[in-house]
Amino acid sequence: MAELQKYIEARERNRDIFSRESAAVLQAFEVAIKASRQLGTALTTQRDVAGKTHVGLAPFFLILERSTFAAFEALSANQAFQAWVSIRPGIESALIMGKWVKDPANAEIWTRRSEDPKSYQASFQGKELGKGALSRGSNIQSALRHINDQFLHPNPKYYHRHLGFHDREDGAVEMRLEFFDEPLDIAVGVLGLIHLVIVTQQSLAEMFATLLPNLGQIDVALASFEQNAGSWAKSTMAEGPYFEWALTEIGLWPKIIAT
């Protein structure tokens, strides 16, 4: 059998198991997508106090939704490391929306990033990206930075994460790099990624409620998810310092859950 076909079939087996054994996780995903659709409808149909629409933000919002689908597809195949890569452009898109709403001039700076990279870097790089209209923009930007460090660049943690050595019968040592994550890493992926997405949605909902006066506040079910998954999150954090760090600093779970 061709190597690519073996890999595809292994992912399919993992997906089948995930779909049978993770009903609660799949339900949480559906709740997140329902909230996403509500927010997207509001963004494309409501007007601000000046009677203007903000449909220019809609593509960023659709990128967030697509990234969420792609990330959960990777999680269902037991590839949390790839799920974090997939969610990254969606989280960044939300932060860019916050920058545009905070100061419409940022939209022009973003558009001219190639022609004027210095202005772009001053407004959109590093911590500046979190200084928009999202209530938790700084936290979300920090999570994005950790995603970059942990999952996009071959830094020491990434270098060692899936690396293993095995003694062979002929006396040689085999070096292997795993394609699939361990259960604890999947748990961190599921709990952290869902929570990060919902926190981002919550900040977007608050921003839209301020921007679009006839909208009101859309409930993205953050409190409900924290209540339903809190025990799982706490037990996962108890597995070690890295797991607590990942859930609180990347997934943005409340630190009180860990105590």
Protein backbone atom coordinates (compact mmCIF):
# COMPACT_ATOMS: atom_id res chain seq x y z
CA MET A 1 0.00 0.00 0.00
CA ALA A 2 1.25 3.50 -0.85
CA GLU A 3 2.53 5.49 2.12
CA LEU A 4 0.09 8.36 1.59
CA GLN A 5 -2.84 5.95 1.53
CA LYS A 6 -1.69 4.42 4.83
CA TYR A 7 -1.57 7.87 6.37
CA ILE A 8 -5.04 8.79 5.06
CA GLU A 9 -6.53 5.55 6.36
CA ALA A 10 -4.96 6.07 9.79
CA ARG A 11 -6.56 9.51 9.97
CA GLU A 12 -9.92 8.05 8.94
CA ARG A 13 -9.74 5.42 11.69
CA ASN A 14 -9.02 8.12 14.23
CA ARG A 15 -11.97 10.17 12.96
CA ASP A 16 -14.30 7.19 13.26
CA ILE A 17 -13.27 6.63 16.88
CA PHE A 18 -13.59 10.33 17.67
CA SER A 19 -17.09 10.53 16.21
CA ARG A 20 -18.24 7.53 18.27
CA GLU A 21 -16.65 8.50 21.58
CA SER A 22 -16.76 12.29 21.66
CA ALA A 23 -20.45 13.21 21.44
CA ALA A 24 -20.13 15.99 24.03
CA VAL A 25 -17.18 17.53 22.19
CA LEU A 26 -19.04 17.46 18.89
CA GLN A 27 -22.04 19.11 20.57
CA ALA A 28 -19.79 21.87 21.93
CA PHE A 29 -18.45 22.42 18.43
CA GLU A 30 -21.98 22.73 17.05
CA VAL A 31 -22.83 25.30 19.74
CA ALA A 32 -19.75 27.31 18.75
CA ILE A 33 -20.72 27.20 15.07
CA LYS A 34 -24.30 28.23 15.90
CA ALA A 35 -22.96 31.25 17.77
CA SER A 36 -20.68 32.00 14.84
CA ARG A 37 -23.64 32.02 12.45
CA GLN A 38 -25.59 34.36 14.75
CA LEU A 39 -22.68 36.77 14.94
CA GLY A 40 -22.11 36.60 11.20
CA THR A 41 -25.76 37.36 10.45
CA ALA A 42 -25.68 40.33 12.80
CA LEU A 43 -22.53 41.68 11.19
CA THR A 44 -23.97 41.54 7.68
CA THR A 45 -27.48 42.85 8.44
CA GLN A 46 -27.16 45.43 11.21
CA ARG A 47 -26.08 49.08 10.90
CA ASP A 48 -24.19 51.40 13.21
CA VAL A 49 -25.46 54.73 14.63
CA ALA A 50 -24.52 56.47 11.38
CA GLY A 51 -26.56 54.01 9.34
CA LYS A 52 -23.47 52.32 7.89
CA THR A 53 -22.89 48.60 7.53
CA HIS A 54 -19.63 46.88 8.38
CA VAL A 55 -19.70 44.07 5.85
CA GLY A 56 -16.03 44.71 5.14
CA LEU A 57 -15.36 42.78 8.35
CA ALA A 58 -17.33 39.75 7.15
CA PRO A 59 -14.47 38.00 5.29
CA PHE A 60 -12.39 38.04 8.47
CA PHE A 61 -15.31 36.50 10.30
CA LEU A 62 -15.68 33.78 7.67
CA ILE A 63 -11.96 33.03 7.98
CA LEU A 64 -12.47 32.48 11.71
CA GLU A 65 -15.32 30.07 11.04
CA ARG A 66 -13.41 28.17 8.36
CA SER A 67 -10.38 27.94 10.65
CA THR A 68 -12.59 26.51 13.38
CA PHE A 69 -13.85 23.77 11.06
CA ALA A 70 -10.33 22.95 9.88
CA ALA A 71 -8.98 22.85 13.43
CA PHE A 72 -11.67 20.45 14.63
CA GLU A 73 -11.16 18.22 11.63
CA ALA A 74 -7.51 17.94 12.65
CA LEU A 75 -8.47 17.24 16.27
CA SER A 76 -10.82 14.47 15.16
CA ALA A 77 -7.84 12.82 13.44
CA ASN A 78 -5.77 13.01 16.67
CA GLN A 79 -3.54 15.78 15.31
CA ALA A 80 -3.76 18.56 17.86
CA PHE A 81 -0.49 20.06 16.66
CA GLN A 82 -2.10 20.65 13.26
CA ALA A 83 -5.34 21.94 14.82
CA TRP A 84 -3.47 24.83 16.45
CA VAL A 85 -1.87 25.68 13.12
CA SER A 86 -5.31 25.70 11.49
CA ILE A 87 -6.97 27.99 14.06
CA ARG A 88 -4.21 30.60 13.94
CA PRO A 89 -5.44 32.67 10.93
CA GLY A 90 -8.95 32.74 12.40
CA ILE A 91 -7.78 34.12 15.73
CA GLU A 92 -5.63 36.71 13.98
CA SER A 93 -8.61 37.68 11.81
CA ALA A 94 -10.64 38.46 14.93
CA LEU A 95 -7.86 40.69 16.25
CA ILE A 96 -7.69 42.52 12.93
CA MET A 97 -11.43 43.15 13.14
CA GLY A 98 -10.84 44.71 16.54
CA LYS A 99 -8.18 46.99 15.10
CA TRP A 100 -10.42 48.13 12.25
CA VAL A 101 -13.29 48.92 14.60
CA LYS A 102 -11.04 50.71 17.08
CA ASP A 103 -9.72 53.04 14.38
CA PRO A 104 -10.97 52.81 10.77
CA ALA A 105 -7.61 54.25 9.64
CA ASN A 106 -6.12 50.87 10.52
CA ALA A 107 -7.98 49.35 7.58
CA GLU A 108 -5.99 51.53 5.19
CA ILE A 109 -2.75 50.70 6.99
CA TRP A 110 -3.61 47.00 6.69
CA THR A 111 -4.42 47.37 2.99
CA ARG A 112 -1.11 49.12 2.30
CA ARG A 113 1.06 46.75 4.31
CA SER A 114 3.30 46.03 1.31
CA GLU A 115 3.66 49.67 0.30
CA ASP A 116 4.18 50.95 3.85
CA PRO A 117 5.46 48.07 6.02
CA LYS A 118 6.68 50.36 8.82
CA SER A 119 3.19 51.71 9.49
CA TYR A 120 1.79 48.19 9.33
CA GLN A 121 4.34 46.87 11.81
CA ALA A 122 3.69 49.77 14.18
CA SER A 123 -0.06 49.06 14.22
CA PHE A 124 -0.39 45.30 13.75
CA GLN A 125 2.68 43.51 15.04
CA GLY A 126 3.23 42.10 18.51
CA LYS A 127 1.17 43.45 21.36
CA GLU A 128 -0.20 46.24 19.15
CA LEU A 129 -2.43 43.68 17.42
CA GLY A 130 -4.29 43.16 20.70
CA LYS A 131 -4.93 46.87 21.25
CA GLY A 132 -8.16 47.05 19.30
CA ALA A 133 -11.83 47.05 20.22
CA LEU A 134 -11.94 43.45 21.52
CA SER A 135 -12.43 43.43 25.28
CA ARG A 136 -9.92 40.59 25.67
CA GLY A 137 -7.73 41.54 22.75
CA SER A 138 -4.52 41.52 24.77
CA ASN A 139 -5.22 38.02 26.11
CA ILE A 140 -6.15 36.74 22.66
CA GLN A 141 -3.00 38.25 21.14
CA SER A 142 -0.92 36.59 23.84
CA ALA A 143 -2.56 33.24 23.05
CA LEU A 144 -1.80 33.79 19.37
CA ARG A 145 1.86 34.45 20.21
CA HIS A 146 2.03 31.20 22.18
CA ILE A 147 0.45 29.30 19.26
CA ASN A 148 3.17 30.68 17.01
CA ASP A 149 5.91 29.68 19.42
CA GLN A 150 4.55 26.23 20.24
CA PHE A 151 3.11 25.01 16.95
CA LEU A 152 4.27 27.05 13.96
CA HIS A 153 8.01 27.28 14.48
CA PRO A 154 10.41 24.36 15.01
CA ASN A 155 11.53 25.66 18.37
CA PRO A 156 12.90 23.22 21.00
CA LYS A 157 9.45 22.18 22.27
CA TYR A 158 8.24 21.48 18.73
CA TYR A 159 11.52 19.70 17.88
CA HIS A 160 11.12 17.21 20.74
CA ARG A 161 7.30 16.91 20.95
CA HIS A 162 6.81 13.82 18.76
CA LEU A 163 10.36 12.52 18.67
CA GLY A 164 11.14 9.04 19.94
CA PHE A 165 13.94 6.46 19.83
CA HIS A 166 13.41 2.70 19.70
CA ASP A 167 15.89 -0.15 19.99
CA ARG A 168 15.68 -2.58 17.10
CA GLU A 169 16.38 -6.31 17.22
CA ASP A 170 19.44 -5.85 15.01
CA GLY A 171 21.00 -3.55 17.62
CA ALA A 172 20.34 -0.35 15.72
CA VAL A 173 18.39 2.56 17.18
CA GLU A 174 15.41 3.81 15.20
CA MET A 175 14.45 7.48 15.36
CA ARG A 176 10.75 8.17 14.82
CA LEU A 177 8.61 11.28 14.55
CA GLU A 178 4.97 10.53 15.37
CA PHE A 179 2.16 11.81 13.14
CA PHE A 180 -0.51 11.62 15.83
CA ASP A 181 -0.83 13.07 19.33
CA GLU A 182 -1.19 11.40 22.70
CA PRO A 183 -4.60 11.55 24.48
CA LEU A 184 -3.53 14.33 26.86
CA ASP A 185 -2.44 16.54 23.98
CA ILE A 186 -5.78 15.91 22.29
CA ALA A 187 -7.56 16.84 25.52
CA VAL A 188 -5.60 20.10 25.69
CA GLY A 189 -6.41 20.69 22.03
CA VAL A 190 -10.13 20.11 22.45
CA LEU A 191 -10.52 22.02 25.71
CA GLY A 192 -8.12 24.81 24.83
CA LEU A 193 -9.20 25.34 21.27
CA ILE A 194 -12.94 25.37 21.97
CA HIS A 195 -12.44 27.74 24.89
CA LEU A 196 -10.19 30.07 22.90
CA VAL A 197 -12.70 30.21 20.05
CA ILE A 198 -15.61 30.94 22.41
CA VAL A 199 -13.63 33.61 24.30
CA THR A 200 -12.89 35.20 20.94
CA GLN A 201 -16.56 35.00 19.98
CA GLN A 202 -17.50 36.58 23.32
CA SER A 203 -15.20 39.52 22.65
CA LEU A 204 -16.60 39.86 19.13
CA ALA A 205 -20.17 39.76 20.47
CA GLU A 206 -19.38 42.55 22.92
CA MET A 207 -17.73 44.60 20.19
CA PHE A 208 -20.68 44.11 17.83
CA ALA A 209 -23.16 45.06 20.58
CA THR A 210 -21.32 48.38 21.00
CA LEU A 211 -20.87 48.97 17.28
CA LEU A 212 -24.41 48.00 16.22
CA PRO A 213 -26.88 49.61 18.67
CA ASN A 214 -29.93 47.63 17.60
CA LEU A 215 -28.22 44.29 18.05
CA GLY A 216 -28.01 43.65 21.77
CA GLN A 217 -25.74 41.02 23.32
CA ILE A 218 -25.50 37.60 21.67
CA ASP A 219 -24.90 34.73 24.11
CA VAL A 220 -22.07 32.56 22.82
CA ALA A 221 -22.48 30.11 25.75
CA LEU A 222 -19.05 30.71 27.31
CA ALA A 223 -20.33 30.25 30.87
CA SER A 224 -22.18 27.08 29.88
CA PHE A 225 -19.07 25.55 28.31
CA GLU A 226 -16.92 26.40 31.32
CA GLN A 227 -19.49 24.80 33.62
CA ASN A 228 -19.91 21.66 31.53
CA ALA A 229 -16.23 21.11 30.78
CA GLY A 230 -14.73 22.59 33.94
CA SER A 231 -14.09 19.29 35.69
CA TRP A 232 -12.39 17.86 32.59
CA ALA A 233 -10.27 21.00 32.28
CA LYS A 234 -9.26 20.86 35.95
CA SER A 235 -8.27 17.19 35.79
CA THR A 236 -6.28 17.82 32.61
CA MET A 237 -4.44 20.73 34.23
CA ALA A 238 -3.60 18.47 37.18
CA GLU A 239 -1.59 16.21 34.85
CA GLY A 240 1.34 18.61 34.96
CA PRO A 241 2.58 22.20 34.69
CA TYR A 242 2.64 22.23 30.90
CA PHE A 243 -1.00 21.19 30.63
CA GLU A 244 -2.07 23.86 33.12
CA TRP A 245 0.00 26.45 31.27
CA ALA A 246 -1.38 25.46 27.86
CA LEU A 247 -5.02 25.62 28.96
CA THR A 248 -4.72 28.91 30.83
CA GLU A 249 -2.28 30.77 28.54
CA ILE A 250 -3.33 29.44 25.13
CA GLY A 251 -6.87 28.23 25.79
CA LEU A 252 -7.51 31.19 28.14
CA TRP A 253 -9.24 29.05 30.77
CA PRO A 254 -9.61 30.89 34.10
CA LYS A 255 -6.67 30.20 36.37
CA ILE A 256 -9.11 29.55 39.23
CA ILE A 257 -10.13 26.32 37.47
CA ALA A 258 -6.64 24.98 38.09
CA THR A 259 -6.82 25.40 41.88
